[in-house]
Amino acid sequence: LVSGQMTLELRDSEGNLKAYRESDNVITRNGEDCVAKALFAPARYTAGGVTSGSTCVGAITVPFSFIALGTGSTTETNNDVDMQTQTAVSGLAIASGTVSFTNSTGGATTGTGASVISITKTFTAGAGPTTISEAGLFNGTTASTNGIFAHKTFTGIVVNNGDSLAVTWTINIGNSTTLN
C-alpha cells in the first residue's frame, strides 16, 4: 500500500496566497517497481541504469527527491515514464527537495499508522508568466537516466515573475487499519 498526495501553494512576492491545489497523485509502475527492487534486490542496480525486463528506470544512486514542474494537461496514468512537458523556466526547473520522515505508528494509535515521507521544494519564478499544470517526483535531473515515481496534472496555476510555488509530495507506506 503505497499512496501519495501532492499539495501546491502559490504566493506572490509579498507572501499572499494566490492559488492552492491538493490532490491524490498517481504512483507510477516505475515508482512501485523501484521501491520493491530497492528494498529486496539492491544488487540488481548498477550506476548505468536498469536491469533487463524491469520497469524501474534509472540508477538508484539518489533518492526520489527531485520535483519537476510542467505545462502538460493530459491526465496522468500509472504507466507514465516521464512528464508531458517539463519546464526549464528560470527558477522553475527540476530541483531537489527537502525530505522528512514520520515513522509508522502501527495499530498503536488512531490514524492510518502509515510511514510518511514528505518531499518539499519552494520554487521562485525568475520569469513569467508561466502556467504550471503538472508536477512529477524523480530520482535525478538527467532526463535520459532519471526515473519518475509519481505524477500529477491539475488545473493550471499562472506563476508570475517573483511568485513562489511550494510543492509538497506526501508518500504513505502502509495502513494499519487494513493490514496491521
C-alpha atoms as a PDB file:
ATOM      1  CA  LEU A   1       0.000   0.000   0.000  1.00  0.00           C
ATOM      2  CA  VAL A   2       1.935   2.961  -1.344  1.00  0.00           C
ATOM      3  CA  SER A   3      -0.143   6.087  -1.870  1.00  0.00           C
ATOM      4  CA  GLY A   4       0.567   9.730  -2.275  1.00  0.00           C
ATOM      5  CA  GLN A   5      -0.749  13.233  -2.251  1.00  0.00           C
ATOM      6  CA  MET A   6       0.524  16.471  -3.747  1.00  0.00           C
ATOM      7  CA  THR A   7      -0.036  19.990  -2.434  1.00  0.00           C
ATOM      8  CA  LEU A   8       0.819  23.254  -4.202  1.00  0.00           C
ATOM      9  CA  GLU A   9       0.687  26.747  -2.714  1.00  0.00           C
ATOM     10  CA  LEU A  10       1.315  29.734  -4.969  1.00  0.00           C
ATOM     11  CA  ARG A  11       2.205  33.011  -3.242  1.00  0.00           C
ATOM     12  CA  ASP A  12       3.001  36.402  -4.683  1.00  0.00           C
ATOM     13  CA  SER A  13       6.209  38.277  -3.862  1.00  0.00           C
ATOM     14  CA  GLU A  14       4.577  39.664  -0.694  1.00  0.00           C
ATOM     15  CA  GLY A  15       3.567  36.228   0.602  1.00  0.00           C
ATOM     16  CA  ASN A  16      -0.150  36.450  -0.241  1.00  0.00           C
ATOM     17  CA  LEU A  17      -1.764  33.123  -1.188  1.00  0.00           C
ATOM     18  CA  LYS A  18      -2.813  33.252  -4.867  1.00  0.00           C
ATOM     19  CA  ALA A  19      -3.688  29.604  -5.569  1.00  0.00           C
ATOM     20  CA  TYR A  20      -3.881  26.265  -3.781  1.00  0.00           C
ATOM     21  CA  ARG A  21      -4.154  22.719  -5.146  1.00  0.00           C
ATOM     22  CA  GLU A  22      -4.309  19.458  -3.196  1.00  0.00           C
ATOM     23  CA  SER A  23      -4.913  16.069  -4.742  1.00  0.00           C
ATOM     24  CA  ASP A  24      -4.027  12.411  -4.637  1.00  0.00           C
ATOM     25  CA  ASN A  25      -1.334  11.575  -7.150  1.00  0.00           C
ATOM     26  CA  VAL A  26      -0.508   8.577  -9.285  1.00  0.00           C
ATOM     27  CA  ILE A  27       2.352   6.378  -8.115  1.00  0.00           C
ATOM     28  CA  THR A  28       3.772   5.088 -11.392  1.00  0.00           C
ATOM     29  CA  ARG A  29       4.657   1.462 -12.154  1.00  0.00           C
ATOM     30  CA  ASN A  30       8.242   2.674 -12.299  1.00  0.00           C
ATOM     31  CA  GLY A  31       7.927   4.028  -8.750  1.00  0.00           C
ATOM     32  CA  GLU A  32       6.355   0.830  -7.413  1.00  0.00           C
ATOM     33  CA  ASP A  33       8.973  -1.359  -9.100  1.00  0.00           C
ATOM     34  CA  CYS A  34      11.853   0.796  -7.875  1.00  0.00           C
ATOM     35  CA  VAL A  35      10.596   0.625  -4.283  1.00  0.00           C
ATOM     36  CA  ALA A  36      10.301  -3.150  -4.391  1.00  0.00           C
ATOM     37  CA  LYS A  37      13.692  -3.660  -6.022  1.00  0.00           C
ATOM     38  CA  ALA A  38      15.496  -1.159  -3.811  1.00  0.00           C
ATOM     39  CA  LEU A  39      14.150  -2.938  -0.729  1.00  0.00           C
ATOM     40  CA  PHE A  40      14.618  -6.543  -1.772  1.00  0.00           C
ATOM     41  CA  ALA A  41      17.157  -6.696  -4.606  1.00  0.00           C
ATOM     42  CA  PRO A  42      19.522  -3.707  -4.386  1.00  0.00           C
ATOM     43  CA  ALA A  43      22.348  -5.649  -6.053  1.00  0.00           C
ATOM     44  CA  ARG A  44      20.337  -5.593  -9.309  1.00  0.00           C
ATOM     45  CA  TYR A  45      21.119  -1.897  -9.789  1.00  0.00           C
ATOM     46  CA  THR A  46      24.168  -0.505 -11.491  1.00  0.00           C
ATOM     47  CA  ALA A  47      25.317   3.062 -11.950  1.00  0.00           C
ATOM     48  CA  GLY A  48      24.498   2.668 -15.652  1.00  0.00           C
ATOM     49  CA  GLY A  49      20.780   2.146 -15.464  1.00  0.00           C
ATOM     50  CA  VAL A  50      18.122  -0.516 -15.476  1.00  0.00           C
ATOM     51  CA  THR A  51      18.031  -4.297 -15.138  1.00  0.00           C
ATOM     52  CA  SER A  52      16.707  -6.119 -18.215  1.00  0.00           C
ATOM     53  CA  GLY A  53      12.957  -6.633 -18.075  1.00  0.00           C
ATOM     54  CA  SER A  54      12.479  -4.068 -15.299  1.00  0.00           C
ATOM     55  CA  THR A  55      10.228  -1.038 -15.457  1.00  0.00           C
ATOM     56  CA  CYS A  56      12.423   0.633 -12.820  1.00  0.00           C
ATOM     57  CA  VAL A  57      14.242   3.272 -14.868  1.00  0.00           C
ATOM     58  CA  GLY A  58      17.403   4.991 -13.775  1.00  0.00           C
ATOM     59  CA  ALA A  59      20.210   4.118 -11.465  1.00  0.00           C
ATOM     60  CA  ILE A  60      19.055   4.051  -7.865  1.00  0.00           C
ATOM     61  CA  THR A  61      22.001   6.039  -6.569  1.00  0.00           C
ATOM     62  CA  VAL A  62      19.978   9.010  -5.284  1.00  0.00           C
ATOM     63  CA  PRO A  63      16.549   9.142  -3.652  1.00  0.00           C
ATOM     64  CA  PHE A  64      13.299  10.157  -5.323  1.00  0.00           C
ATOM     65  CA  SER A  65      13.630  13.710  -4.025  1.00  0.00           C
ATOM     66  CA  PHE A  66      13.646  15.791  -7.213  1.00  0.00           C
ATOM     67  CA  ILE A  67      10.500  17.774  -8.018  1.00  0.00           C
ATOM     68  CA  ALA A  68       9.788  18.870 -11.577  1.00  0.00           C
ATOM     69  CA  LEU A  69       7.092  21.218 -12.869  1.00  0.00           C
ATOM     70  CA  GLY A  70       5.484  21.221 -16.287  1.00  0.00           C
ATOM     71  CA  THR A  71       2.830  22.532 -18.610  1.00  0.00           C
ATOM     72  CA  GLY A  72       1.205  19.287 -19.809  1.00  0.00           C
ATOM     73  CA  SER A  73      -2.529  18.725 -19.461  1.00  0.00           C
ATOM     74  CA  THR A  74      -3.230  15.076 -20.314  1.00  0.00           C
ATOM     75  CA  THR A  75      -4.404  13.115 -17.266  1.00  0.00           C
ATOM     76  CA  GLU A  76      -1.590  11.122 -15.663  1.00  0.00           C
ATOM     77  CA  THR A  77      -1.568   7.297 -15.559  1.00  0.00           C
ATOM     78  CA  ASN A  78       0.429   4.697 -13.659  1.00  0.00           C
ATOM     79  CA  ASN A  79       2.198   3.828 -16.949  1.00  0.00           C
ATOM     80  CA  ASP A  80       3.790   7.296 -17.261  1.00  0.00           C
ATOM     81  CA  VAL A  81       7.553   7.188 -17.704  1.00  0.00           C
ATOM     82  CA  ASP A  82       8.029  10.959 -17.823  1.00  0.00           C
ATOM     83  CA  MET A  83       6.092  14.192 -17.587  1.00  0.00           C
ATOM     84  CA  GLN A  84       4.435  15.586 -20.697  1.00  0.00           C
ATOM     85  CA  THR A  85       6.155  18.988 -20.923  1.00  0.00           C
ATOM     86  CA  GLN A  86       8.719  19.599 -18.195  1.00  0.00           C
ATOM     87  CA  THR A  87       9.611  23.279 -17.824  1.00  0.00           C
ATOM     88  CA  ALA A  88      13.055  24.816 -17.561  1.00  0.00           C
ATOM     89  CA  VAL A  89      11.772  28.370 -16.948  1.00  0.00           C
ATOM     90  CA  SER A  90      14.142  30.322 -14.693  1.00  0.00           C
ATOM     91  CA  GLY A  91      13.510  29.341 -11.071  1.00  0.00           C
ATOM     92  CA  LEU A  92      11.011  26.598 -12.007  1.00  0.00           C
ATOM     93  CA  ALA A  93      13.400  23.913 -13.326  1.00  0.00           C
ATOM     94  CA  ILE A  94      13.650  20.478 -11.681  1.00  0.00           C
ATOM     95  CA  ALA A  95      15.333  20.669  -8.282  1.00  0.00           C
ATOM     96  CA  SER A  96      15.984  18.567  -5.207  1.00  0.00           C
ATOM     97  CA  GLY A  97      13.521  18.997  -2.360  1.00  0.00           C
ATOM     98  CA  THR A  98      13.846  18.572   1.395  1.00  0.00           C
ATOM     99  CA  VAL A  99      12.901  15.094   2.621  1.00  0.00           C
ATOM    100  CA  SER A 100      11.372  14.348   6.030  1.00  0.00           C
ATOM    101  CA  PHE A 101      10.084  11.131   7.585  1.00  0.00           C
ATOM    102  CA  THR A 102       7.434  10.160  10.124  1.00  0.00           C
ATOM    103  CA  ASN A 103       7.652   6.592  11.401  1.00  0.00           C
ATOM    104  CA  SER A 104       4.653   4.270  11.318  1.00  0.00           C
ATOM    105  CA  THR A 105       2.566   4.086  14.460  1.00  0.00           C
ATOM    106  CA  GLY A 106       1.228   0.663  13.515  1.00  0.00           C
ATOM    107  CA  GLY A 107      -2.021  -0.142  15.227  1.00  0.00           C
ATOM    108  CA  ALA A 108      -0.983   1.567  18.462  1.00  0.00           C
ATOM    109  CA  THR A 109      -2.757   4.874  17.836  1.00  0.00           C
ATOM    110  CA  THR A 110      -5.701   6.255  15.938  1.00  0.00           C
ATOM    111  CA  GLY A 111      -4.978   7.069  12.311  1.00  0.00           C
ATOM    112  CA  THR A 112      -3.587   5.279   9.321  1.00  0.00           C
ATOM    113  CA  GLY A 113      -0.364   4.234  11.009  1.00  0.00           C
ATOM    114  CA  ALA A 114       1.485   4.696   7.719  1.00  0.00           C
ATOM    115  CA  SER A 115       5.119   5.626   7.415  1.00  0.00           C
ATOM    116  CA  VAL A 116       5.004   9.088   5.855  1.00  0.00           C
ATOM    117  CA  ILE A 117       7.651  10.645   3.637  1.00  0.00           C
ATOM    118  CA  SER A 118       7.339  14.307   2.662  1.00  0.00           C
ATOM    119  CA  ILE A 119       9.364  15.947  -0.095  1.00  0.00           C
ATOM    120  CA  THR A 120       9.061  19.740  -0.217  1.00  0.00           C
ATOM    121  CA  LYS A 121      10.500  22.338  -2.570  1.00  0.00           C
ATOM    122  CA  THR A 122       9.692  26.027  -2.926  1.00  0.00           C
ATOM    123  CA  PHE A 123      10.363  27.378  -6.405  1.00  0.00           C
ATOM    124  CA  THR A 124      10.691  31.122  -7.057  1.00  0.00           C
ATOM    125  CA  ALA A 125       9.949  32.161 -10.617  1.00  0.00           C
ATOM    126  CA  GLY A 126      12.634  34.233 -12.310  1.00  0.00           C
ATOM    127  CA  ALA A 127      10.474  34.813 -15.381  1.00  0.00           C
ATOM    128  CA  GLY A 128       6.850  34.590 -16.286  1.00  0.00           C
ATOM    129  CA  PRO A 129       4.033  34.329 -16.596  1.00  0.00           C
ATOM    130  CA  THR A 130       4.127  30.524 -16.920  1.00  0.00           C
ATOM    131  CA  THR A 131       1.090  28.289 -16.472  1.00  0.00           C
ATOM    132  CA  ILE A 132       2.106  25.228 -14.449  1.00  0.00           C
ATOM    133  CA  SER A 133      -0.288  22.294 -14.776  1.00  0.00           C
ATOM    134  CA  GLU A 134       1.703  19.176 -13.874  1.00  0.00           C
ATOM    135  CA  ALA A 135       4.333  18.031 -11.411  1.00  0.00           C
ATOM    136  CA  GLY A 136       6.480  14.941 -11.051  1.00  0.00           C
ATOM    137  CA  LEU A 137       8.719  13.305  -8.474  1.00  0.00           C
ATOM    138  CA  PHE A 138      12.020  11.936  -9.827  1.00  0.00           C
ATOM    139  CA  ASN A 139      15.300  10.333  -8.731  1.00  0.00           C
ATOM    140  CA  GLY A 140      17.556  12.704 -10.634  1.00  0.00           C
ATOM    141  CA  THR A 141      17.702  15.652 -13.004  1.00  0.00           C
ATOM    142  CA  THR A 142      19.007  13.995 -16.172  1.00  0.00           C
ATOM    143  CA  ALA A 143      16.073  13.158 -18.432  1.00  0.00           C
ATOM    144  CA  SER A 144      17.814  10.187 -20.095  1.00  0.00           C
ATOM    145  CA  THR A 145      18.536   8.361 -16.818  1.00  0.00           C
ATOM    146  CA  ASN A 146      16.081   9.530 -14.161  1.00  0.00           C
ATOM    147  CA  GLY A 147      13.001   7.589 -13.107  1.00  0.00           C
ATOM    148  CA  ILE A 148       9.585   9.009 -12.301  1.00  0.00           C
ATOM    149  CA  PHE A 149       7.990   7.938  -9.013  1.00  0.00           C
ATOM    150  CA  ALA A 150       4.781   9.986  -9.025  1.00  0.00           C
ATOM    151  CA  HIS A 151       2.989  12.284 -11.462  1.00  0.00           C
ATOM    152  CA  LYS A 152       0.012  14.639 -11.238  1.00  0.00           C
ATOM    153  CA  THR A 153      -1.758  17.004 -13.622  1.00  0.00           C
ATOM    154  CA  PHE A 154      -4.044  19.724 -12.285  1.00  0.00           C
ATOM    155  CA  THR A 155      -5.882  22.890 -13.252  1.00  0.00           C
ATOM    156  CA  GLY A 156      -3.212  25.335 -14.364  1.00  0.00           C
ATOM    157  CA  ILE A 157      -1.668  27.874 -11.993  1.00  0.00           C
ATOM    158  CA  VAL A 158      -0.261  31.060 -13.538  1.00  0.00           C
ATOM    159  CA  VAL A 159       3.137  31.742 -11.960  1.00  0.00           C
ATOM    160  CA  ASN A 160       4.450  35.273 -12.465  1.00  0.00           C
ATOM    161  CA  ASN A 161       7.994  36.535 -12.098  1.00  0.00           C
ATOM    162  CA  GLY A 162       8.778  36.730  -8.348  1.00  0.00           C
ATOM    163  CA  ASP A 163       5.977  34.344  -7.299  1.00  0.00           C
ATOM    164  CA  SER A 164       6.872  31.345  -5.135  1.00  0.00           C
ATOM    165  CA  LEU A 165       5.340  27.919  -5.656  1.00  0.00           C
ATOM    166  CA  ALA A 166       5.683  25.488  -2.751  1.00  0.00           C
ATOM    167  CA  VAL A 167       5.237  21.866  -3.806  1.00  0.00           C
ATOM    168  CA  THR A 168       4.892  19.045  -1.281  1.00  0.00           C
ATOM    169  CA  TRP A 169       4.713  15.370  -2.184  1.00  0.00           C
ATOM    170  CA  THR A 170       3.495  13.182   0.675  1.00  0.00           C
ATOM    171  CA  ILE A 171       4.039   9.442   0.240  1.00  0.00           C
ATOM    172  CA  ASN A 172       2.367   6.974   2.615  1.00  0.00           C
ATOM    173  CA  ILE A 173       3.663   3.430   3.000  1.00  0.00           C
ATOM    174  CA  GLY A 174       1.354   1.045   4.822  1.00  0.00           C
ATOM    175  CA  ASN A 175      -2.005   1.393   6.506  1.00  0.00           C
ATOM    176  CA  SER A 176      -2.550  -0.119   9.946  1.00  0.00           C
ATOM    177  CA  THR A 177      -6.338  -0.123   9.652  1.00  0.00           C
ATOM    178  CA  THR A 178      -6.108  -2.569   6.746  1.00  0.00           C
ATOM    179  CA  LEU A 179      -3.070  -4.804   7.210  1.00  0.00           C
ATOM    180  CA  ASN A 180      -1.603  -4.455  10.711  1.00  0.00           C
END
